[in-house]
């Protein structure tokens, strides 16, 4: 009888120990899940906070560019328009030979006026919203061609799909950043842009044939970081490649939300 009681006691102890072990494991797993959830929520909150800060920066930048656009169009544009008028008046009061020479000056001032107006359009986000991404790119490329910076081309494939105007501005600013780098640093002869509307995404490819650069030397470049940050805001993937002597390539994939 005593041996039977000892066996039962041992069984009870084993059951109690197993219960404690199982309870400890369950508690630990639940604790870890709760801890991971809190960490994930914290990371998401930090990401949302960073996104809001970046969005605020973009809004401030866009407003600053808009103000510059107004200044160019209204003030400097008006001054150049007045200069053209004054040149026209002068042309009626001087001899024919001098008037012909004055026409060269008039053309130069007139071209400068057109350039100022074109530039003001590319800086104002409201204009970009009204005309759309494709036309905004065409305006910028036409400006480059007119100024003989390089030979630009634009190829559009697929059926154009509506894009949120706010996203269009961000995509355009990324492309504009690439354009700016090409004009300032690339020493390129050609600049090619392709917009490919596929079933699920707008695939944007921009490439120049300039001198290129070593990617390792510009990993922390502020311009590249800005492009990546802007792309993440609109859920677009960004690929940026360059090799010394082989130009620079930008690939953007923006997910489209097509209506059924």
Protein backbone atom coordinates (compact mmCIF):
# COMPACT_ATOMS: atom_id res chain seq x y z
CA UNK A 1 0.00 0.00 0.00
CA UNK A 2 2.83 2.34 0.84
CA UNK A 3 4.50 1.73 -2.50
CA UNK A 4 1.25 2.50 -4.30
CA UNK A 5 0.92 5.82 -2.49
CA UNK A 6 4.52 6.70 -3.35
CA UNK A 7 3.86 5.99 -7.02
CA UNK A 8 0.73 8.17 -6.97
CA UNK A 9 2.70 10.92 -5.27
CA UNK A 10 5.42 10.70 -7.89
CA UNK A 11 2.78 10.84 -10.66
CA UNK A 12 1.17 13.91 -9.04
CA UNK A 13 4.58 15.60 -8.82
CA UNK A 14 5.32 14.83 -12.46
CA UNK A 15 1.92 16.20 -13.52
CA UNK A 16 2.46 19.34 -11.46
CA UNK A 17 5.95 19.82 -12.91
CA UNK A 18 4.64 19.30 -16.46
CA UNK A 19 1.84 21.79 -15.79
CA UNK A 20 4.35 24.35 -14.51
CA UNK A 21 6.63 23.76 -17.54
CA UNK A 22 3.71 24.08 -20.00
CA UNK A 23 2.40 27.18 -18.23
CA UNK A 24 5.90 28.71 -18.31
CA UNK A 25 6.28 27.96 -22.03
CA UNK A 26 2.82 29.36 -22.85
CA UNK A 27 3.49 32.45 -20.74
CA UNK A 28 6.89 32.98 -22.38
CA UNK A 29 5.45 32.59 -25.91
CA UNK A 30 2.59 34.98 -25.12
CA UNK A 31 5.04 37.44 -23.57
CA UNK A 32 7.31 37.28 -26.64
CA UNK A 33 4.37 37.77 -28.99
CA UNK A 34 3.19 40.74 -26.98
CA UNK A 35 6.72 42.14 -26.90
CA UNK A 36 7.15 41.64 -30.67
CA UNK A 37 3.79 43.28 -31.32
CA UNK A 38 4.76 46.28 -29.22
CA UNK A 39 8.10 46.55 -31.04
CA UNK A 40 6.36 46.27 -34.42
CA UNK A 41 3.81 48.92 -33.42
CA UNK A 42 6.65 51.15 -32.27
CA UNK A 43 8.52 50.69 -35.56
CA UNK A 44 5.35 51.42 -37.53
CA UNK A 45 4.71 54.53 -35.44
CA UNK A 46 8.29 55.71 -35.98
CA UNK A 47 7.95 55.06 -39.74
CA UNK A 48 4.67 56.99 -39.86
CA UNK A 49 6.32 59.83 -37.94
CA UNK A 50 9.27 59.90 -40.35
CA UNK A 51 6.89 59.78 -43.33
CA UNK A 52 4.89 62.71 -41.95
CA UNK A 53 8.07 64.72 -41.40
CA UNK A 54 9.24 63.96 -44.94
CA UNK A 55 5.81 64.84 -46.35
CA UNK A 56 5.94 68.14 -44.46
CA UNK A 57 9.40 68.81 -45.91
CA UNK A 58 8.10 68.09 -49.39
CA UNK A 59 5.13 70.41 -48.89
CA UNK A 60 7.47 73.18 -47.71
CA UNK A 61 9.77 72.58 -50.69
CA UNK A 62 6.83 72.60 -53.11
CA UNK A 63 5.54 75.85 -51.65
CA UNK A 64 9.02 77.39 -51.93
CA UNK A 65 9.29 76.25 -55.57
CA UNK A 66 5.82 77.66 -56.22
CA UNK A 67 6.88 81.03 -54.80
CA UNK A 68 10.01 80.99 -56.97
CA UNK A 69 7.81 80.14 -59.96
CA UNK A 70 5.58 83.15 -59.27
CA UNK A 71 8.60 85.42 -58.89
CA UNK A 72 10.06 84.23 -62.19
CA UNK A 73 6.79 84.51 -64.07
CA UNK A 74 5.39 87.72 -62.57
CA UNK A 75 8.45 89.80 -61.72
CA UNK A 76 11.37 88.74 -63.91
CA UNK A 77 9.01 87.80 -66.73
CA UNK A 78 7.40 91.22 -66.55
CA UNK A 79 10.78 92.95 -66.61
CA UNK A 80 11.84 91.00 -69.71
CA UNK A 81 8.50 91.75 -71.39
CA UNK A 82 9.08 95.45 -70.72
CA UNK A 83 12.60 95.14 -72.14
CA UNK A 84 11.18 93.63 -75.35
CA UNK A 85 8.71 96.51 -75.64
CA UNK A 86 11.50 99.07 -75.14
CA UNK A 87 13.63 97.36 -77.80
CA UNK A 88 10.70 97.46 -80.24
CA UNK A 89 10.26 101.18 -79.60
CA UNK A 90 13.97 101.81 -80.06
CA UNK A 91 13.85 99.94 -83.36
CA UNK A 92 11.54 102.58 -84.82
CA UNK A 93 13.82 105.49 -83.92
CA UNK A 94 17.18 104.31 -85.24
CA UNK A 95 18.59 103.65 -88.70
CA UNK A 96 17.97 100.40 -90.58
CA UNK A 97 21.45 98.94 -89.99
CA UNK A 98 21.28 99.54 -86.23
CA UNK A 99 17.70 98.20 -86.16
CA UNK A 100 18.86 94.91 -87.67
CA UNK A 101 21.56 94.57 -85.00
CA UNK A 102 18.98 95.39 -82.36
CA UNK A 103 16.82 92.50 -83.55
CA UNK A 104 19.49 90.06 -82.36
CA UNK A 105 19.25 91.58 -78.89
CA UNK A 106 15.45 91.43 -79.08
CA UNK A 107 15.59 87.73 -80.01
CA UNK A 108 17.97 87.00 -77.14
CA UNK A 109 15.72 88.77 -74.62
CA UNK A 110 12.64 87.10 -76.13
CA UNK A 111 14.22 83.64 -75.86
CA UNK A 112 15.18 84.41 -72.26
CA UNK A 113 11.56 85.35 -71.54
CA UNK A 114 10.29 82.07 -73.00
CA UNK A 115 12.89 80.13 -71.00
CA UNK A 116 11.82 81.86 -67.77
CA UNK A 117 8.17 81.02 -68.46
CA UNK A 118 8.99 77.37 -69.26
CA UNK A 119 11.12 77.08 -66.14
CA UNK A 120 8.39 78.61 -63.97
CA UNK A 121 5.96 75.93 -65.19
CA UNK A 122 8.26 73.08 -64.17
CA UNK A 123 8.64 74.55 -60.66
CA UNK A 124 4.94 75.08 -59.92
CA UNK A 125 3.30 71.87 -58.68
CA UNK A 126 -0.17 73.20 -59.54
CA UNK A 127 0.82 73.40 -63.21
CA UNK A 128 2.17 69.84 -63.06
CA UNK A 129 -1.11 68.66 -61.50
CA UNK A 130 -3.10 70.32 -64.27
CA UNK A 131 -1.09 69.10 -67.27
CA UNK A 132 -0.04 65.67 -65.93
CA UNK A 133 3.21 63.75 -65.68
CA UNK A 134 3.81 63.02 -69.37
CA UNK A 135 3.26 66.59 -70.59
CA UNK A 136 5.39 68.00 -67.75
CA UNK A 137 8.26 65.73 -68.83
CA UNK A 138 7.77 66.82 -72.46
CA UNK A 139 7.97 70.50 -71.44
CA UNK A 140 11.24 69.89 -69.56
CA UNK A 141 12.79 67.87 -72.40
CA UNK A 142 11.70 70.49 -74.93
CA UNK A 143 13.47 73.12 -72.82
CA UNK A 144 16.70 71.07 -72.82
CA UNK A 145 16.51 70.63 -76.58
CA UNK A 146 15.92 74.34 -77.17
CA UNK A 147 18.94 75.24 -75.02
CA UNK A 148 21.11 72.65 -76.85
CA UNK A 149 22.09 70.93 -73.60
CA UNK A 150 21.65 67.47 -75.17
CA UNK A 151 19.34 65.43 -77.40
CA UNK A 152 16.29 64.26 -75.41
CA UNK A 153 13.78 61.56 -76.38
CA UNK A 154 10.51 60.42 -74.78
CA UNK A 155 8.86 57.08 -75.59
CA UNK A 156 5.40 56.27 -74.18
CA UNK A 157 4.08 52.70 -74.30
CA UNK A 158 0.78 51.18 -73.25
CA UNK A 159 -2.54 52.81 -72.36
CA UNK A 160 -2.15 55.88 -70.18
CA UNK A 161 -3.74 55.40 -66.76
CA UNK A 162 -4.94 58.00 -64.28
CA UNK A 163 -2.45 58.64 -61.47
CA UNK A 164 -3.14 60.48 -58.24
CA UNK A 165 -1.98 64.10 -58.93
CA UNK A 166 -0.05 64.17 -55.64
CA UNK A 167 1.82 61.03 -56.67
CA UNK A 168 2.47 62.52 -60.12
CA UNK A 169 4.25 65.48 -58.52
CA UNK A 170 6.48 63.18 -56.46
CA UNK A 171 7.31 61.00 -59.49
CA UNK A 172 8.06 64.11 -61.54
CA UNK A 173 10.36 65.53 -58.84
CA UNK A 174 12.32 62.26 -58.80
CA UNK A 175 12.73 62.43 -62.58
CA UNK A 176 13.56 66.14 -62.36
CA UNK A 177 16.30 65.36 -59.82
CA UNK A 178 17.79 62.93 -62.35
CA UNK A 179 17.55 65.58 -65.10
CA UNK A 180 19.30 68.10 -62.87
CA UNK A 181 22.16 65.69 -62.13
CA UNK A 182 22.51 64.90 -65.85
CA UNK A 183 22.68 68.56 -66.85
CA UNK A 184 25.13 69.51 -64.07
CA UNK A 185 27.47 66.52 -63.92
CA UNK A 186 26.98 63.91 -66.65
CA UNK A 187 28.42 65.67 -69.71
CA UNK A 188 25.89 63.61 -71.67
CA UNK A 189 24.91 63.93 -75.33
CA UNK A 190 21.63 61.99 -75.08
CA UNK A 191 18.88 61.67 -72.49
CA UNK A 192 16.24 58.97 -72.99
CA UNK A 193 12.97 58.69 -71.06
CA UNK A 194 10.49 55.82 -71.35
CA UNK A 195 7.03 55.59 -69.75
CA UNK A 196 5.61 52.07 -69.99
CA UNK A 197 2.04 51.56 -68.73
CA UNK A 198 1.71 47.85 -67.93
CA UNK A 199 -1.23 46.02 -66.39
CA UNK A 200 -0.11 46.61 -62.81
CA UNK A 201 2.49 49.37 -62.85
CA UNK A 202 3.92 52.40 -64.57
CA UNK A 203 7.51 51.51 -65.42
CA UNK A 204 9.66 54.63 -65.81
CA UNK A 205 13.17 54.38 -67.27
CA UNK A 206 15.50 57.38 -67.56
CA UNK A 207 19.01 57.00 -68.95
CA UNK A 208 21.84 59.28 -70.06
CA UNK A 209 25.06 58.46 -71.90
CA UNK A 210 27.31 60.64 -69.77
CA UNK A 211 30.54 59.96 -67.92
CA UNK A 212 28.83 58.03 -65.12
CA UNK A 213 30.31 57.56 -61.66
CA UNK A 214 31.36 55.00 -59.07
CA UNK A 215 28.23 53.92 -57.14
CA UNK A 216 30.25 53.25 -53.98
CA UNK A 217 31.24 56.91 -53.78
CA UNK A 218 27.65 58.22 -53.74
CA UNK A 219 25.76 55.78 -51.54
CA UNK A 220 25.06 58.55 -49.04
CA UNK A 221 24.47 61.23 -51.68
CA UNK A 222 21.64 63.52 -50.59
CA UNK A 223 20.10 63.63 -54.08
CA UNK A 224 19.92 59.84 -54.27
CA UNK A 225 18.53 59.62 -50.73
CA UNK A 226 15.86 62.18 -51.64
CA UNK A 227 14.84 60.14 -54.68
CA UNK A 228 14.59 56.95 -52.60
CA UNK A 229 12.60 58.68 -49.85
CA UNK A 230 10.18 60.21 -52.36
CA UNK A 231 9.75 56.84 -54.09
CA UNK A 232 8.89 55.13 -50.79
CA UNK A 233 6.14 57.70 -50.15
CA UNK A 234 4.24 56.56 -53.25
CA UNK A 235 5.08 52.86 -52.76
CA UNK A 236 7.30 52.87 -55.85
CA UNK A 237 10.45 50.78 -56.22
CA UNK A 238 13.57 52.62 -57.33
CA UNK A 239 16.71 51.28 -58.97
CA UNK A 240 19.69 53.55 -59.65
CA UNK A 241 22.73 52.28 -61.54
CA UNK A 242 25.87 53.83 -62.94
CA UNK A 243 29.29 52.78 -64.17
CA UNK A 244 32.21 55.05 -64.99
CA UNK A 245 32.06 55.90 -68.68
CA UNK A 246 28.67 54.23 -69.22
CA UNK A 247 26.17 56.82 -68.05
CA UNK A 248 23.43 56.58 -65.42
CA UNK A 249 20.22 54.55 -65.37
CA UNK A 250 17.12 55.20 -63.25
CA UNK A 251 14.25 52.71 -63.06
CA UNK A 252 11.01 53.51 -61.25
CA UNK A 253 8.10 51.10 -60.84
CA UNK A 254 4.93 52.79 -59.62
CA UNK A 255 2.00 50.44 -58.78
CA UNK A 256 -1.18 51.35 -60.69
CA UNK A 257 -4.67 51.08 -59.28
CA UNK A 258 -6.77 50.24 -62.32
CA UNK A 259 -10.55 50.35 -62.12
CA UNK A 260 -12.38 47.10 -62.84
